[in-house]
Amino acid sequence: MYKKEFEIRWSDVDANAHLANSAYTNFMSHTRMGFFTDYGFSMQEMHEQEIGPVVFYEHMYYFKEAYLGTPITVTLELIGLSKDGMFFKFEHNFYNDKGENLANCEIFGAWIDTEKRSLTALPEALLTISETFPKAINFRTLTKEDTRKHGKRPVNLG
């Protein structure tokens, strides 16, 4: 399990004086980028490989409030990866300084070719690195069908 620690700042709280929804997303993004960097997927490496991560969905569940000035720990576990590395699924948990679970989020995403702007498998070197990622107990191999399991499709106006 990967962990990153934060202190809740003034800019992280909302009108209810607790951690804002957008701050949860920012903390998760920062945690994922720290994870990727620590495993050899730095922004520089992504730029050189012409790939970038995209998020398809985030399913967020809130359990307990968090407040200004308090420390939180954000964890990350890999719960899914496709054989070619194109699709990934992470689970984030938020904990206060007492170890109480504040929130949980499942994130499903993929890699895009930043030049072609289309989904792509991981380059071989990064795929090899991804095989060293720590996996959650409930880890499973993802397929393209997992991208549509919730049945959501775009519906255009007019």
N, C-alpha and C. Protein backbone atom coordinates (compact mmCIF):
# COMPACT_ATOMS: atom_id res chain seq x y z
N MET A 1 0.86 -1.18 0.00
CA MET A 1 0.00 0.00 0.00
C MET A 1 0.90 1.24 0.00
N TYR A 2 0.58 2.17 -0.88
CA TYR A 2 1.32 3.43 -0.97
C TYR A 2 0.61 4.47 -0.12
N LYS A 3 1.37 5.29 0.62
CA LYS A 3 0.79 6.30 1.50
C LYS A 3 1.44 7.65 1.27
N LYS A 4 0.62 8.71 1.38
CA LYS A 4 1.13 10.07 1.30
C LYS A 4 0.41 10.88 2.38
N GLU A 5 1.16 11.73 3.06
CA GLU A 5 0.60 12.52 4.16
C GLU A 5 0.44 13.98 3.74
N PHE A 6 -0.65 14.60 4.23
CA PHE A 6 -0.96 15.99 3.92
C PHE A 6 -1.49 16.67 5.18
N GLU A 7 -1.44 18.00 5.17
CA GLU A 7 -2.15 18.79 6.17
C GLU A 7 -3.20 19.59 5.43
N ILE A 8 -4.39 19.62 5.96
CA ILE A 8 -5.49 20.34 5.31
C ILE A 8 -5.25 21.85 5.43
N ARG A 9 -5.17 22.51 4.27
CA ARG A 9 -4.90 23.94 4.19
C ARG A 9 -6.20 24.73 4.06
N TRP A 10 -6.10 26.03 4.25
CA TRP A 10 -7.23 26.94 4.11
C TRP A 10 -7.91 26.75 2.75
N SER A 11 -7.12 26.62 1.70
CA SER A 11 -7.68 26.49 0.35
C SER A 11 -8.35 25.13 0.12
N ASP A 12 -8.22 24.20 1.06
CA ASP A 12 -8.81 22.86 0.92
C ASP A 12 -10.20 22.74 1.52
N VAL A 13 -10.66 23.75 2.26
CA VAL A 13 -11.95 23.65 2.93
C VAL A 13 -13.02 24.41 2.16
N ASP A 14 -14.28 24.03 2.39
CA ASP A 14 -15.41 24.68 1.71
C ASP A 14 -16.21 25.53 2.69
N ALA A 15 -17.38 25.98 2.27
CA ALA A 15 -18.23 26.85 3.10
C ALA A 15 -18.71 26.17 4.37
N ASN A 16 -18.67 24.85 4.42
CA ASN A 16 -19.05 24.11 5.63
C ASN A 16 -17.86 23.90 6.58
N ALA A 17 -16.73 24.50 6.24
CA ALA A 17 -15.50 24.44 7.04
C ALA A 17 -14.93 23.02 7.16
N HIS A 18 -15.24 22.16 6.20
CA HIS A 18 -14.62 20.84 6.17
C HIS A 18 -13.97 20.63 4.80
N LEU A 19 -13.22 19.55 4.68
CA LEU A 19 -12.50 19.28 3.43
C LEU A 19 -13.46 19.24 2.25
N ALA A 20 -13.18 20.07 1.25
CA ALA A 20 -14.04 20.22 0.07
C ALA A 20 -13.89 19.02 -0.87
N ASN A 21 -14.95 18.75 -1.61
CA ASN A 21 -14.92 17.66 -2.59
C ASN A 21 -13.73 17.79 -3.54
N SER A 22 -13.49 19.00 -4.03
CA SER A 22 -12.40 19.22 -4.98
C SER A 22 -11.04 18.94 -4.34
N ALA A 23 -10.91 19.16 -3.03
CA ALA A 23 -9.65 18.89 -2.35
C ALA A 23 -9.36 17.39 -2.31
N TYR A 24 -10.39 16.58 -2.13
CA TYR A 24 -10.20 15.13 -2.15
C TYR A 24 -9.60 14.72 -3.50
N THR A 25 -10.15 15.26 -4.57
CA THR A 25 -9.65 14.96 -5.91
C THR A 25 -8.20 15.40 -6.06
N ASN A 26 -7.88 16.60 -5.57
CA ASN A 26 -6.51 17.09 -5.67
C ASN A 26 -5.54 16.23 -4.86
N PHE A 27 -5.93 15.83 -3.66
CA PHE A 27 -5.07 14.98 -2.85
C PHE A 27 -4.85 13.62 -3.52
N MET A 28 -5.90 13.08 -4.14
CA MET A 28 -5.75 11.80 -4.83
C MET A 28 -4.82 11.93 -6.02
N SER A 29 -4.97 13.01 -6.80
CA SER A 29 -4.09 13.23 -7.96
C SER A 29 -2.64 13.35 -7.51
N HIS A 30 -2.41 14.11 -6.46
CA HIS A 30 -1.05 14.29 -5.95
C HIS A 30 -0.48 12.95 -5.47
N THR A 31 -1.30 12.15 -4.82
CA THR A 31 -0.86 10.83 -4.35
C THR A 31 -0.52 9.93 -5.53
N ARG A 32 -1.37 9.92 -6.56
CA ARG A 32 -1.09 9.08 -7.73
C ARG A 32 0.20 9.51 -8.42
N MET A 33 0.40 10.82 -8.56
CA MET A 33 1.61 11.27 -9.23
C MET A 33 2.85 10.94 -8.40
N GLY A 34 2.74 11.02 -7.08
CA GLY A 34 3.85 10.59 -6.22
C GLY A 34 4.14 9.11 -6.39
N PHE A 35 3.07 8.32 -6.46
CA PHE A 35 3.20 6.88 -6.67
C PHE A 35 3.89 6.61 -8.01
N PHE A 36 3.37 7.22 -9.08
CA PHE A 36 3.96 6.99 -10.40
C PHE A 36 5.44 7.39 -10.41
N THR A 37 5.76 8.53 -9.84
CA THR A 37 7.15 9.00 -9.81
C THR A 37 8.03 8.02 -9.04
N ASP A 38 7.56 7.57 -7.89
CA ASP A 38 8.34 6.63 -7.08
C ASP A 38 8.57 5.30 -7.80
N TYR A 39 7.70 4.97 -8.75
CA TYR A 39 7.84 3.72 -9.50
C TYR A 39 8.41 3.92 -10.92
N GLY A 40 9.00 5.09 -11.18
CA GLY A 40 9.66 5.31 -12.46
C GLY A 40 8.80 5.88 -13.56
N PHE A 41 7.59 6.35 -13.21
CA PHE A 41 6.69 6.96 -14.17
C PHE A 41 6.65 8.47 -13.95
N SER A 42 7.78 9.12 -13.87
CA SER A 42 7.81 10.56 -13.62
C SER A 42 7.15 11.32 -14.77
N MET A 43 6.81 12.57 -14.50
CA MET A 43 6.24 13.41 -15.57
C MET A 43 7.21 13.47 -16.75
N GLN A 44 8.50 13.54 -16.46
CA GLN A 44 9.51 13.57 -17.53
C GLN A 44 9.46 12.28 -18.35
N GLU A 45 9.37 11.14 -17.68
CA GLU A 45 9.31 9.85 -18.38
C GLU A 45 8.04 9.77 -19.23
N MET A 46 6.91 10.21 -18.67
CA MET A 46 5.66 10.20 -19.44
C MET A 46 5.79 11.09 -20.68
N HIS A 47 6.38 12.26 -20.49
CA HIS A 47 6.57 13.19 -21.61
C HIS A 47 7.44 12.54 -22.69
N GLU A 48 8.53 11.92 -22.28
CA GLU A 48 9.43 11.28 -23.24
C GLU A 48 8.75 10.13 -23.98
N GLN A 49 7.88 9.39 -23.28
CA GLN A 49 7.17 8.25 -23.88
C GLN A 49 5.90 8.69 -24.61
N GLU A 50 5.58 9.99 -24.52
CA GLU A 50 4.38 10.57 -25.15
C GLU A 50 3.10 9.88 -24.69
N ILE A 51 3.02 9.66 -23.36
CA ILE A 51 1.80 9.09 -22.79
C ILE A 51 1.37 9.94 -21.59
N GLY A 52 0.10 9.80 -21.23
CA GLY A 52 -0.42 10.48 -20.05
C GLY A 52 -1.62 9.72 -19.52
N PRO A 53 -1.87 9.80 -18.21
CA PRO A 53 -3.02 9.11 -17.63
C PRO A 53 -4.29 9.93 -17.80
N VAL A 54 -5.39 9.25 -18.04
CA VAL A 54 -6.71 9.89 -18.07
C VAL A 54 -7.64 9.10 -17.15
N VAL A 55 -8.54 9.82 -16.49
CA VAL A 55 -9.49 9.20 -15.58
C VAL A 55 -10.84 9.08 -16.27
N PHE A 56 -11.42 7.88 -16.25
CA PHE A 56 -12.76 7.65 -16.80
C PHE A 56 -13.83 7.95 -15.76
N TYR A 57 -13.59 7.50 -14.53
CA TYR A 57 -14.54 7.81 -13.46
C TYR A 57 -13.87 7.74 -12.11
N GLU A 58 -14.49 8.44 -11.17
CA GLU A 58 -14.11 8.39 -9.76
C GLU A 58 -15.38 8.15 -8.97
N HIS A 59 -15.45 7.06 -8.24
CA HIS A 59 -16.60 6.78 -7.37
C HIS A 59 -16.16 7.08 -5.95
N MET A 60 -16.72 8.14 -5.37
CA MET A 60 -16.29 8.65 -4.08
C MET A 60 -17.34 8.36 -3.02
N TYR A 61 -16.88 7.92 -1.85
CA TYR A 61 -17.76 7.67 -0.71
C TYR A 61 -17.16 8.40 0.49
N TYR A 62 -17.99 9.24 1.14
CA TYR A 62 -17.54 10.01 2.29
C TYR A 62 -18.11 9.41 3.56
N PHE A 63 -17.25 9.25 4.59
CA PHE A 63 -17.68 8.64 5.84
C PHE A 63 -17.63 9.59 7.03
N LYS A 64 -16.63 10.45 7.07
CA LYS A 64 -16.38 11.28 8.24
C LYS A 64 -15.73 12.58 7.77
N GLU A 65 -16.04 13.69 8.44
CA GLU A 65 -15.49 14.98 8.06
C GLU A 65 -14.01 15.12 8.45
N ALA A 66 -13.33 15.99 7.72
CA ALA A 66 -11.95 16.37 8.02
C ALA A 66 -11.89 17.90 8.00
N TYR A 67 -11.05 18.48 8.88
CA TYR A 67 -11.08 19.92 9.09
C TYR A 67 -9.71 20.59 8.89
N LEU A 68 -9.76 21.89 8.71
CA LEU A 68 -8.60 22.74 8.52
C LEU A 68 -7.52 22.45 9.57
N GLY A 69 -6.27 22.34 9.09
CA GLY A 69 -5.14 22.18 9.98
C GLY A 69 -4.87 20.77 10.46
N THR A 70 -5.74 19.84 10.11
CA THR A 70 -5.54 18.47 10.59
C THR A 70 -4.77 17.64 9.56
N PRO A 71 -3.96 16.72 10.05
CA PRO A 71 -3.23 15.85 9.12
C PRO A 71 -4.13 14.74 8.59
N ILE A 72 -3.90 14.37 7.34
CA ILE A 72 -4.60 13.23 6.75
C ILE A 72 -3.58 12.37 6.01
N THR A 73 -3.90 11.12 5.88
CA THR A 73 -3.10 10.19 5.09
C THR A 73 -3.97 9.69 3.96
N VAL A 74 -3.42 9.73 2.75
CA VAL A 74 -4.12 9.23 1.57
C VAL A 74 -3.36 8.00 1.10
N THR A 75 -4.09 6.89 0.95
CA THR A 75 -3.45 5.66 0.49
C THR A 75 -3.87 5.36 -0.95
N LEU A 76 -3.08 4.53 -1.58
CA LEU A 76 -3.35 4.11 -2.95
C LEU A 76 -3.03 2.63 -3.05
N GLU A 77 -3.95 1.88 -3.64
CA GLU A 77 -3.70 0.48 -3.94
C GLU A 77 -4.14 0.21 -5.37
N LEU A 78 -3.35 -0.54 -6.09
CA LEU A 78 -3.70 -0.97 -7.44
C LEU A 78 -4.65 -2.13 -7.33
N ILE A 79 -5.89 -1.94 -7.84
CA ILE A 79 -6.87 -3.03 -7.76
C ILE A 79 -7.17 -3.63 -9.13
N GLY A 80 -6.59 -3.05 -10.19
CA GLY A 80 -6.79 -3.62 -11.52
C GLY A 80 -5.82 -3.05 -12.53
N LEU A 81 -5.43 -3.90 -13.48
CA LEU A 81 -4.55 -3.49 -14.57
C LEU A 81 -4.78 -4.44 -15.73
N SER A 82 -4.90 -3.90 -16.94
CA SER A 82 -5.06 -4.77 -18.11
C SER A 82 -3.72 -5.39 -18.47
N LYS A 83 -3.74 -6.47 -19.24
CA LYS A 83 -2.51 -7.17 -19.60
C LYS A 83 -1.53 -6.28 -20.34
N ASP A 84 -2.04 -5.36 -21.16
CA ASP A 84 -1.15 -4.47 -21.90
C ASP A 84 -0.88 -3.17 -21.15
N GLY A 85 -1.43 -3.04 -19.94
CA GLY A 85 -1.21 -1.85 -19.13
C GLY A 85 -2.07 -0.67 -19.50
N MET A 86 -2.89 -0.77 -20.56
CA MET A 86 -3.69 0.36 -21.02
C MET A 86 -4.66 0.85 -19.94
N PHE A 87 -5.37 -0.07 -19.30
CA PHE A 87 -6.38 0.30 -18.30
C PHE A 87 -5.86 0.05 -16.90
N PHE A 88 -6.20 0.93 -15.97
CA PHE A 88 -5.81 0.77 -14.58
C PHE A 88 -6.97 1.14 -13.67
N LYS A 89 -6.95 0.57 -12.47
CA LYS A 89 -7.96 0.89 -11.46
C LYS A 89 -7.24 1.00 -10.12
N PHE A 90 -7.46 2.13 -9.45
CA PHE A 90 -6.86 2.38 -8.15
C PHE A 90 -7.96 2.56 -7.10
N GLU A 91 -7.61 2.25 -5.87
CA GLU A 91 -8.48 2.56 -4.75
C GLU A 91 -7.70 3.48 -3.82
N HIS A 92 -8.34 4.60 -3.46
CA HIS A 92 -7.77 5.54 -2.50
C HIS A 92 -8.60 5.49 -1.23
N ASN A 93 -7.93 5.59 -0.09
CA ASN A 93 -8.60 5.76 1.19
C ASN A 93 -7.98 6.96 1.89
N PHE A 94 -8.81 7.68 2.62
CA PHE A 94 -8.39 8.84 3.40
C PHE A 94 -8.53 8.48 4.88
N TYR A 95 -7.51 8.82 5.68
CA TYR A 95 -7.51 8.52 7.11
C TYR A 95 -7.12 9.76 7.90
N ASN A 96 -7.72 9.95 9.06
CA ASN A 96 -7.29 11.03 9.94
C ASN A 96 -6.12 10.54 10.79
N ASP A 97 -5.62 11.40 11.70
CA ASP A 97 -4.45 11.04 12.50
C ASP A 97 -4.74 9.95 13.54
N LYS A 98 -6.01 9.58 13.70
CA LYS A 98 -6.39 8.47 14.59
C LYS A 98 -6.53 7.16 13.83
N GLY A 99 -6.32 7.23 12.50
CA GLY A 99 -6.46 6.04 11.67
C GLY A 99 -7.89 5.75 11.25
N GLU A 100 -8.81 6.70 11.49
CA GLU A 100 -10.21 6.50 11.10
C GLU A 100 -10.36 6.77 9.60
N ASN A 101 -11.10 5.90 8.94
CA ASN A 101 -11.33 6.01 7.50
C ASN A 101 -12.34 7.12 7.22
N LEU A 102 -11.88 8.18 6.55
CA LEU A 102 -12.71 9.34 6.26
C LEU A 102 -13.47 9.21 4.94
N ALA A 103 -12.83 8.59 3.96
CA ALA A 103 -13.44 8.50 2.62
C ALA A 103 -12.74 7.40 1.84
N ASN A 104 -13.43 6.95 0.78
CA ASN A 104 -12.92 5.91 -0.10
C ASN A 104 -13.27 6.30 -1.52
N CYS A 105 -12.36 6.02 -2.44
CA CYS A 105 -12.62 6.33 -3.85
C CYS A 105 -12.01 5.27 -4.74
N GLU A 106 -12.80 4.82 -5.72
CA GLU A 106 -12.32 3.91 -6.76
C GLU A 106 -12.16 4.74 -8.02
N ILE A 107 -11.01 4.63 -8.65
CA ILE A 107 -10.72 5.40 -9.86
C ILE A 107 -10.35 4.45 -10.98
N PHE A 108 -11.02 4.62 -12.12
CA PHE A 108 -10.74 3.80 -13.29
C PHE A 108 -10.22 4.71 -14.38
N GLY A 109 -9.12 4.33 -15.01
CA GLY A 109 -8.54 5.17 -16.05
C GLY A 109 -7.75 4.38 -17.06
N ALA A 110 -7.06 5.12 -17.92
CA ALA A 110 -6.27 4.51 -18.99
C ALA A 110 -5.13 5.45 -19.35
N TRP A 111 -4.29 4.99 -20.25
CA TRP A 111 -3.20 5.79 -20.78
C TRP A 111 -3.56 6.24 -22.18
N ILE A 112 -3.20 7.49 -22.49
CA ILE A 112 -3.39 7.98 -23.86
C ILE A 112 -2.05 8.32 -24.47
N ASP A 113 -2.00 8.20 -25.77
CA ASP A 113 -0.88 8.69 -26.56
C ASP A 113 -1.11 10.20 -26.68
N THR A 114 -0.22 11.00 -26.13
CA THR A 114 -0.44 12.45 -26.07
C THR A 114 -0.29 13.13 -27.43
N GLU A 115 0.28 12.46 -28.41
CA GLU A 115 0.36 13.02 -29.77
C GLU A 115 -0.89 12.66 -30.58
N LYS A 116 -1.29 11.38 -30.55
CA LYS A 116 -2.44 10.91 -31.32
C LYS A 116 -3.76 11.18 -30.61
N ARG A 117 -3.70 11.44 -29.28
CA ARG A 117 -4.90 11.70 -28.46
C ARG A 117 -5.85 10.50 -28.48
N SER A 118 -5.27 9.32 -28.39
CA SER A 118 -6.08 8.10 -28.36
C SER A 118 -5.50 7.15 -27.31
N LEU A 119 -6.34 6.21 -26.85
CA LEU A 119 -5.89 5.24 -25.86
C LEU A 119 -4.73 4.43 -26.41
N THR A 120 -3.82 4.04 -25.50
CA THR A 120 -2.66 3.28 -25.92
C THR A 120 -2.22 2.33 -24.82
N ALA A 121 -1.61 1.25 -25.23
CA ALA A 121 -0.98 0.34 -24.27
C ALA A 121 0.28 1.02 -23.74
N LEU A 122 0.74 0.56 -22.59
CA LEU A 122 1.98 1.10 -22.05
C LEU A 122 3.16 0.66 -22.90
N PRO A 123 4.13 1.54 -23.11
CA PRO A 123 5.37 1.11 -23.77
C PRO A 123 6.00 -0.03 -22.95
N GLU A 124 6.73 -0.91 -23.61
CA GLU A 124 7.26 -2.12 -22.97
C GLU A 124 8.03 -1.83 -21.68
N ALA A 125 8.86 -0.81 -21.68
CA ALA A 125 9.65 -0.49 -20.48
C ALA A 125 8.75 -0.14 -19.30
N LEU A 126 7.70 0.64 -19.55
CA LEU A 126 6.79 1.02 -18.47
C LEU A 126 5.87 -0.13 -18.08
N LEU A 127 5.52 -0.97 -19.03
CA LEU A 127 4.72 -2.15 -18.71
C LEU A 127 5.49 -3.07 -17.76
N THR A 128 6.77 -3.22 -18.01
CA THR A 128 7.61 -4.03 -17.12
C THR A 128 7.63 -3.43 -15.72
N ILE A 129 7.76 -2.12 -15.62
CA ILE A 129 7.75 -1.44 -14.32
C ILE A 129 6.39 -1.64 -13.64
N SER A 130 5.29 -1.53 -14.41
CA SER A 130 3.95 -1.65 -13.83
C SER A 130 3.74 -3.01 -13.18
N GLU A 131 4.45 -4.01 -13.64
CA GLU A 131 4.33 -5.34 -13.06
C GLU A 131 4.90 -5.40 -11.64
N THR A 132 5.70 -4.38 -11.26
CA THR A 132 6.25 -4.33 -9.90
C THR A 132 5.36 -3.54 -8.94
N PHE A 133 4.28 -2.92 -9.45
CA PHE A 133 3.38 -2.17 -8.58
C PHE A 133 2.82 -3.09 -7.50
N PRO A 134 2.74 -2.61 -6.26
CA PRO A 134 2.08 -3.41 -5.23
C PRO A 134 0.59 -3.55 -5.55
N LYS A 135 0.08 -4.75 -5.43
CA LYS A 135 -1.31 -5.04 -5.79
C LYS A 135 -2.15 -5.30 -4.54
N ALA A 136 -3.37 -4.83 -4.57
CA ALA A 136 -4.31 -5.07 -3.47
C ALA A 136 -4.72 -6.54 -3.46
N ILE A 137 -5.25 -6.97 -2.35
CA ILE A 137 -5.73 -8.35 -2.21
C ILE A 137 -6.79 -8.66 -3.28
N ASN A 138 -7.63 -7.68 -3.59
CA ASN A 138 -8.71 -7.88 -4.56
C ASN A 138 -8.30 -7.50 -5.99
N PHE A 139 -7.00 -7.46 -6.29
CA PHE A 139 -6.51 -7.12 -7.63
C PHE A 139 -7.06 -8.10 -8.67
N ARG A 140 -7.36 -7.55 -9.86
CA ARG A 140 -7.76 -8.42 -10.97
C ARG A 140 -7.31 -7.82 -12.29
N THR A 141 -7.21 -8.65 -13.31
CA THR A 141 -6.83 -8.21 -14.64
C THR A 141 -8.05 -7.57 -15.31
N LEU A 142 -7.86 -6.37 -15.83
CA LEU A 142 -8.95 -5.60 -16.46
C LEU A 142 -9.04 -5.90 -17.95
N THR A 143 -10.25 -5.75 -18.49
CA THR A 143 -10.49 -5.89 -19.93
C THR A 143 -11.19 -4.63 -20.44
N LYS A 144 -11.27 -4.49 -21.75
CA LYS A 144 -11.94 -3.33 -22.34
C LYS A 144 -13.40 -3.25 -21.89
N GLU A 145 -14.02 -4.38 -21.66
CA GLU A 145 -15.42 -4.41 -21.22
C GLU A 145 -15.60 -3.69 -19.87
N ASP A 146 -14.57 -3.68 -19.06
CA ASP A 146 -14.65 -2.99 -17.76
C ASP A 146 -14.88 -1.49 -17.94
N THR A 147 -14.53 -0.93 -19.10
CA THR A 147 -14.72 0.51 -19.32
C THR A 147 -16.19 0.88 -19.46
N ARG A 148 -17.03 -0.06 -19.76
CA ARG A 148 -18.46 0.21 -19.97
C ARG A 148 -19.36 -0.55 -19.01
N LYS A 149 -18.79 -1.09 -17.93
CA LYS A 149 -19.58 -1.94 -17.05
C LYS A 149 -20.73 -1.21 -16.38
N HIS A 150 -20.64 0.10 -16.26
CA HIS A 150 -21.71 0.87 -15.63
C HIS A 150 -22.76 1.33 -16.64
N GLY A 151 -22.54 1.04 -17.91
CA GLY A 151 -23.55 1.35 -18.93
C GLY A 151 -23.67 2.82 -19.30
N LYS A 152 -22.75 3.63 -18.89
CA LYS A 152 -22.81 5.07 -19.20
C LYS A 152 -22.29 5.31 -20.61
N ARG A 153 -23.03 6.09 -21.34
CA ARG A 153 -22.64 6.49 -22.70
C ARG A 153 -22.90 7.98 -22.85
N PRO A 154 -22.16 8.65 -23.72
CA PRO A 154 -22.41 10.08 -23.92
C PRO A 154 -23.78 10.31 -24.57
N VAL A 155 -24.46 11.37 -24.15
CA VAL A 155 -25.73 11.78 -24.75
C VAL A 155 -25.57 13.26 -25.09
N ASN A 156 -25.54 13.55 -26.36
CA ASN A 156 -25.33 14.93 -26.81
C ASN A 156 -26.60 15.77 -26.74
N LEU A 157 -26.43 17.07 -26.64
CA LEU A 157 -27.58 17.98 -26.68
C LEU A 157 -28.16 18.06 -28.07
N GLY A 158 -29.44 18.29 -28.14
CA GLY A 158 -30.11 18.59 -29.40
C GLY A 158 -30.20 17.48 -30.31
